[in-house]
Protein backbone atom coordinates (compact mmCIF):
# COMPACT_ATOMS: atom_id res chain seq x y z
CA MET A 1 -2.76 109.55 217.55
CA ALA A 2 -2.51 109.64 221.54
CA ARG A 3 -3.96 112.47 222.93
CA ARG A 4 -1.99 113.71 226.57
CA PHE A 5 -3.92 115.42 229.37
CA ASP A 6 -3.11 116.25 232.76
CA ARG A 7 -0.91 113.47 233.95
CA PHE A 8 -2.29 110.91 231.72
CA CYS A 9 -2.31 109.56 227.91
CA PHE A 10 -4.91 107.98 226.06
CA ASP A 11 -4.52 105.93 222.91
CA PRO A 12 -8.19 105.46 221.18
CA ASP A 13 -6.19 102.98 218.87
CA ASP A 14 -5.99 100.58 221.04
CA GLY A 15 -7.93 101.94 224.50
CA ARG A 16 -4.87 102.09 226.51
CA LEU A 17 -5.04 104.97 229.52
CA SER A 18 -1.36 105.47 230.54
CA HIS A 19 0.00 107.28 233.55
CA VAL A 20 2.80 109.42 231.92
CA ALA A 21 5.45 109.54 234.76
CA SER A 22 4.85 105.80 235.85
CA GLY A 23 3.97 104.35 232.98
CA GLU A 24 1.37 102.01 234.14
CA SER A 25 -1.85 101.83 232.14
CA VAL A 26 -5.11 100.06 231.72
CA THR A 27 -6.83 99.31 228.59
CA VAL A 28 -10.56 100.74 228.70
CA ARG A 29 -13.80 99.17 227.06
CA PRO A 30 -14.50 100.79 223.52
CA GLN A 31 -17.59 102.58 225.41
CA VAL A 32 -15.45 104.11 227.76
CA GLY A 33 -13.09 105.34 225.25
CA ARG A 34 -15.71 107.03 223.29
CA LEU A 35 -16.90 108.68 226.38
CA LEU A 36 -13.28 109.90 227.05
CA GLU A 37 -12.62 111.17 223.90
CA ALA A 38 -16.07 113.30 224.16
CA PHE A 39 -14.78 115.13 226.94
CA LEU A 40 -10.97 115.35 224.96
CA ASP A 41 -12.79 116.79 222.23
CA GLN A 42 -13.75 119.86 224.25
CA PRO A 43 -11.82 119.97 227.49
CA GLY A 44 -13.09 121.99 230.14
CA ALA A 45 -16.49 122.39 228.53
CA VAL A 46 -19.45 121.14 230.23
CA LEU A 47 -21.37 118.34 227.99
CA GLY A 48 -24.72 117.32 227.95
CA ARG A 49 -25.94 113.82 228.45
CA GLU A 50 -27.55 113.55 225.38
CA HIS A 51 -24.83 114.77 223.92
CA LEU A 52 -22.42 112.30 225.41
CA CYS A 53 -25.11 109.57 224.50
CA ARG A 54 -25.11 110.15 220.58
CA LYS A 55 -20.97 110.10 221.46
CA ILE A 56 -20.71 106.81 222.72
CA TRP A 57 -24.14 104.89 221.27
CA GLY A 58 -25.12 106.86 217.80
CA GLU A 59 -28.16 108.19 216.68
CA ASP A 60 -30.17 104.82 216.65
CA ALA A 61 -29.01 102.87 219.53
CA VAL A 62 -31.78 101.50 222.03
CA VAL A 63 -30.32 101.94 225.56
CA ASP A 64 -31.43 103.46 228.99
CA PHE A 65 -28.96 106.35 228.32
CA GLU A 66 -29.45 107.49 232.01
CA SER A 67 -28.08 103.86 233.52
CA GLY A 68 -25.67 103.26 230.72
CA LEU A 69 -24.05 107.13 231.03
CA ALA A 70 -23.81 106.93 235.16
CA ALA A 71 -21.99 103.17 234.64
CA LEU A 72 -19.70 104.33 232.12
CA ILE A 73 -18.58 107.72 234.00
CA ARG A 74 -18.51 106.01 237.35
CA GLU A 75 -16.00 103.28 235.26
CA LEU A 76 -13.84 106.40 233.63
CA ARG A 77 -13.53 108.02 237.20
CA GLN A 78 -12.30 104.37 238.85
CA ALA A 79 -9.61 103.92 235.68
CA LEU A 80 -8.36 107.25 236.56
CA LYS A 81 -8.24 106.58 240.20
CA GLY A 82 -6.46 103.15 239.66
CA LEU A 83 -3.41 104.94 237.83
CA GLY A 84 -3.13 107.40 240.59
CA GLY A 85 -5.25 110.35 239.47
CA SER A 86 -8.31 112.14 241.32
CA GLU A 87 -11.67 110.52 240.47
CA GLN A 88 -12.85 114.37 240.28
CA LEU A 89 -11.31 115.08 237.07
CA VAL A 90 -14.57 114.23 235.66
CA GLU A 91 -17.07 116.48 237.32
CA THR A 92 -20.51 116.09 237.42
CA VAL A 93 -22.09 119.53 236.61
CA PRO A 94 -25.55 119.47 238.50
CA ARG A 95 -28.69 119.40 235.85
CA ARG A 96 -26.27 120.23 233.17
CA GLY A 97 -23.86 117.47 232.44
CA TYR A 98 -20.25 116.49 233.11
CA ARG A 99 -16.73 117.98 232.52
CA LEU A 100 -13.42 117.06 231.71
CA ARG A 101 -10.90 119.48 234.37
CA VAL A 102 -8.43 119.87 232.04
CA GLU A 103 -7.16 123.27 230.09
CA ALA A 104 -5.81 121.70 227.44
CA VAL A 105 -5.50 118.25 224.92
CA GLU A 106 -1.86 117.93 223.39
CA HIS A 107 -1.34 115.29 220.63
CA ALA A 108 1.30 112.69 222.00
CA THR A 109 3.32 109.58 220.67
CA ALA A 110 1.80 107.17 223.04
CA PRO A 111 4.36 105.57 225.20
CA ALA A 112 3.54 102.02 223.59
CA ALA A 113 4.46 103.17 220.22
CA ASN A 114 7.64 104.75 221.46
CA ALA A 115 8.50 101.17 223.05
CA GLU A 116 7.68 99.43 219.97
CA ALA A 117 9.45 102.03 217.39
CA GLY A 118 12.60 101.18 219.80
CA ILE A 119 12.30 97.48 219.21
CA LYS A 120 11.64 97.52 215.59
CA GLN A 121 14.53 99.75 214.92
CA SER A 122 17.07 97.41 216.81
CA ARG A 123 16.06 94.52 214.94
CA VAL A 124 18.28 93.36 212.21
CA GLY A 125 19.16 90.37 210.52
CA TRP A 126 18.45 86.88 211.57
CA TRP A 127 17.55 88.51 214.76
CA TRP A 128 13.99 89.45 212.55
CA MET A 129 13.90 86.22 211.41
CA PHE A 130 13.40 84.51 214.57
CA ALA A 131 11.19 86.97 216.05
CA VAL A 132 8.81 86.50 212.95
CA ALA A 133 9.40 82.80 213.53
CA MET A 134 8.11 83.38 217.41
CA ILE A 135 5.02 85.33 216.22
CA PHE A 136 3.98 82.97 214.28
CA GLY A 137 3.88 80.41 216.56
CA LEU A 138 2.52 82.36 219.16
CA GLY A 139 -0.23 83.29 216.41
CA LEU A 140 -0.83 79.76 216.45
CA LEU A 141 -1.14 79.15 219.78
CA PHE A 142 -3.63 82.13 220.21
CA TRP A 143 -5.86 80.42 217.59
CA PHE A 144 -5.96 77.46 219.33
CA TRP A 145 -7.04 79.19 222.41
CA SER A 146 -9.05 81.65 221.20
CA ASP A 147 -12.49 80.35 222.59
CA ARG A 148 -10.81 79.89 226.30
CA ASP A 149 -8.89 83.09 226.11
CA SER A 150 -12.07 85.63 225.01
CA ALA A 151 -13.97 83.93 227.90
CA ASP A 152 -11.45 84.34 230.25
CA SER A 153 -10.65 87.81 229.55
CA ALA A 154 -14.11 88.82 230.18
CA VAL A 155 -13.51 88.56 233.79
CA ALA A 156 -9.89 89.83 233.33
CA THR A 157 -10.66 92.70 232.12
CA SER A 158 -9.93 95.87 234.52
CA ASN A 159 -13.47 96.71 235.08
CA PRO A 160 -15.67 93.90 234.12
CA THR A 161 -19.56 95.21 233.93
CA LEU A 162 -22.33 92.68 235.08
CA ALA A 163 -26.18 92.92 234.14
CA ILE A 164 -28.73 90.09 235.82
CA LEU A 165 -31.29 88.89 233.16
CA PRO A 166 -34.71 87.92 234.35
CA PHE A 167 -34.68 84.25 235.01
CA ASP A 168 -36.67 81.44 233.77
CA VAL A 169 -39.49 80.54 235.53
CA ILE A 170 -40.93 77.20 235.70
CA GLY A 171 -43.58 77.27 238.10
CA PRO A 172 -46.92 74.94 238.63
CA PRO A 173 -49.54 75.47 236.02
CA ASP A 174 -51.89 77.19 238.19
CA GLN A 175 -49.41 79.72 239.00
CA SER A 176 -50.27 83.26 237.35
CA PRO A 177 -48.27 85.36 235.07
CA GLU A 178 -48.23 88.09 237.67
CA ALA A 179 -46.65 85.49 240.53
CA SER A 180 -43.96 84.51 237.85
CA ARG A 181 -43.16 88.12 237.43
CA ARG A 182 -43.36 88.69 240.92
CA ILE A 183 -40.59 85.84 241.60
CA GLN A 184 -38.37 86.68 238.86
CA LEU A 185 -38.17 90.60 240.11
CA LEU A 186 -37.15 89.03 243.65
CA VAL A 187 -34.23 87.08 242.67
CA ALA A 188 -32.73 89.53 240.29
CA ASP A 189 -33.07 92.15 243.17
CA GLY A 190 -31.66 90.12 245.44
CA LEU A 191 -28.99 89.08 243.49
CA LEU A 192 -28.48 92.79 242.51
CA ALA A 193 -28.36 93.94 246.35
CA GLY A 194 -25.97 90.88 247.46
CA LEU A 195 -23.37 91.65 244.30
CA TRP A 196 -23.43 95.32 245.50
CA GLN A 197 -22.46 94.84 249.04
CA ALA A 198 -20.04 91.78 248.08
CA GLU A 199 -17.98 94.60 246.22
CA LEU A 200 -16.22 92.04 244.15
CA ASP A 201 -12.89 93.26 243.14
CA GLY A 202 -13.45 95.68 239.91
CA LEU A 203 -16.83 94.63 239.16
CA VAL A 204 -19.34 97.36 237.91
CA LEU A 205 -23.03 96.55 238.17
CA ILE A 206 -25.57 97.37 235.65
CA GLY A 207 -29.33 98.46 237.30
CA ARG A 208 -32.28 96.38 236.11
CA ALA A 209 -33.71 99.51 234.77
CA ALA A 210 -31.07 99.66 232.00
CA LEU A 211 -32.67 96.31 230.74
CA ARG A 212 -36.15 97.07 230.86
CA PRO A 213 -36.29 98.08 226.98
CA TYR A 214 -34.81 95.06 226.29
CA GLU A 215 -37.05 92.28 227.88
CA GLU A 216 -39.10 91.48 225.25
CA ARG A 217 -36.35 90.71 222.43
CA SER A 218 -35.21 87.22 221.60
CA ASP A 219 -31.86 88.31 221.26
CA GLN A 220 -32.00 90.07 224.60
CA ALA A 221 -28.30 88.81 225.84
CA ALA A 222 -26.49 89.66 223.19
CA ALA A 223 -28.37 93.29 222.59
CA VAL A 224 -27.67 93.92 226.51
CA ALA A 225 -23.99 92.80 225.69
CA LYS A 226 -23.60 95.02 222.54
CA ASP A 227 -25.18 98.43 223.09
CA LEU A 228 -25.00 98.29 227.51
CA GLY A 229 -21.12 97.09 226.60
CA VAL A 230 -21.54 94.67 229.06
CA ASP A 231 -18.82 92.00 229.69
CA LEU A 232 -20.62 89.24 232.26
CA LEU A 233 -24.25 88.07 232.58
CA ILE A 234 -25.76 85.95 235.02
CA GLU A 235 -28.91 84.14 233.90
CA GLY A 236 -30.76 81.21 235.18
CA SER A 237 -33.99 79.30 236.29
CA LEU A 238 -36.52 78.76 238.79
CA SER A 239 -37.97 75.70 239.23
CA SER A 240 -41.14 74.25 241.58
CA ASN A 241 -44.38 72.11 241.83
CA ASP A 242 -45.62 73.60 244.36
CA GLY A 243 -45.41 77.37 244.50
CA GLN A 244 -43.34 77.44 247.76
CA SER A 245 -40.18 75.38 247.46
CA TRP A 246 -38.21 76.62 244.88
CA GLN A 247 -34.78 75.35 243.05
CA VAL A 248 -32.91 78.18 241.71
CA ASP A 249 -30.35 77.53 239.27
CA ALA A 250 -27.52 80.49 238.44
CA ARG A 251 -25.03 80.93 235.81
CA LEU A 252 -22.33 83.34 234.83
CA LEU A 253 -21.72 83.99 231.42
CA ALA A 254 -19.07 85.47 229.27
CA MET A 255 -19.94 87.66 226.56
CA PRO A 256 -20.41 88.01 223.81
CA GLY A 257 -19.59 84.26 223.24
CA GLY A 258 -21.62 83.31 226.61
CA THR A 259 -18.86 80.95 227.41
CA VAL A 260 -20.22 79.84 231.36
CA LEU A 261 -17.76 80.46 233.97
CA TRP A 262 -19.50 79.94 236.76
CA SER A 263 -22.57 77.78 238.05
CA ASP A 264 -24.33 77.17 241.27
CA GLN A 265 -27.94 75.80 242.66
CA VAL A 266 -29.32 76.86 245.88
CA GLU A 267 -32.85 75.85 247.22
CA TRP A 268 -35.24 78.64 248.39
CA ASP A 269 -38.45 77.64 250.87
CA GLN A 270 -40.75 80.93 249.90
CA ALA A 271 -43.10 79.69 252.86
CA ALA A 272 -40.51 80.27 255.30
CA GLN A 273 -38.56 82.89 253.56
CA SER A 274 -40.90 85.46 251.40
CA SER A 275 -37.88 87.41 250.46
CA ALA A 276 -35.43 86.11 248.05
CA THR A 277 -32.49 87.27 250.45
CA GLU A 278 -31.22 84.44 251.69
CA PRO A 279 -31.45 82.13 248.38
CA ALA A 280 -29.58 85.12 246.64
CA ARG A 281 -26.77 85.43 249.41
CA ALA A 282 -25.75 81.95 248.90
CA LEU A 283 -25.57 82.61 245.34
CA VAL A 284 -23.07 85.55 245.55
CA SER A 285 -21.09 83.63 248.47
CA GLY A 286 -20.44 80.94 245.90
CA LEU A 287 -19.41 83.49 243.21
CA ALA A 288 -17.06 85.11 245.73
CA ASP A 289 -15.56 82.50 246.68
CA GLN A 290 -14.32 82.09 242.90
CA TRP A 291 -13.84 85.50 242.20
CA SER A 292 -10.09 85.84 242.70
CA GLU A 293 -9.40 82.97 240.53
CA LEU A 294 -11.55 83.56 237.86
CA ARG A 295 -9.90 87.19 237.74
CA GLU A 296 -6.38 85.87 238.03
CA ARG A 297 -7.27 83.56 234.49
């Protein structure tokens, strides 16, 4: 059952958040939907972080709750703002939690459901048979293109979430684990900072701290995508024969399938550039050049 609050209507069945007056809508991710439902269950009440995390991820999930919850709060505010609402509708209450600033929540029939009901009532006779045939044909097309569509939708969603996995380091034999780890962190932090500054349309970034619980897992990518609701991952490798001149390979993956959407390669002379700012900037620039095209697919 859809639920109406302030100037909005939310249907938990399909994740559609709609502006009642204009009819405009966006589809939010399941984690954002569960966050909004928790607020709608107790309108106007201050909800603690632990309570919200249980509502979103359950009792047993291994997640960096602070970073994950902050990202979902930000995404919900952006969805409300994108529909003409105020980000302040979701209020941060210092040292206590968050509150949805509405006085009441009403049950309502979702706008999309009303439209669908009207269409169904108007179909009679052979028009109904024609519609069934069309749906069957579209279903076959959807099945045929399902892999491609699932990859594209990860970028085309209203606010895709991206995380950067530690790059594989293939250095000289005498390179210590500490040196390899330092290289990994330099590149990851450089990419994160570069993407933050680039402000790619709709992109929500997950900080490195949220990924720490997953570093030793063999299913790291799948677990990060599932637990943190990540749509996109950047992975890659760093290879060098002398520990100074590095080849940096990066790939953008659509989750959960892992389809490669974009890849690039740059060179990094660590002797001349101790930080990874320049190679990270080059990679971000390459992704930014194709971001609009990826979003429009």
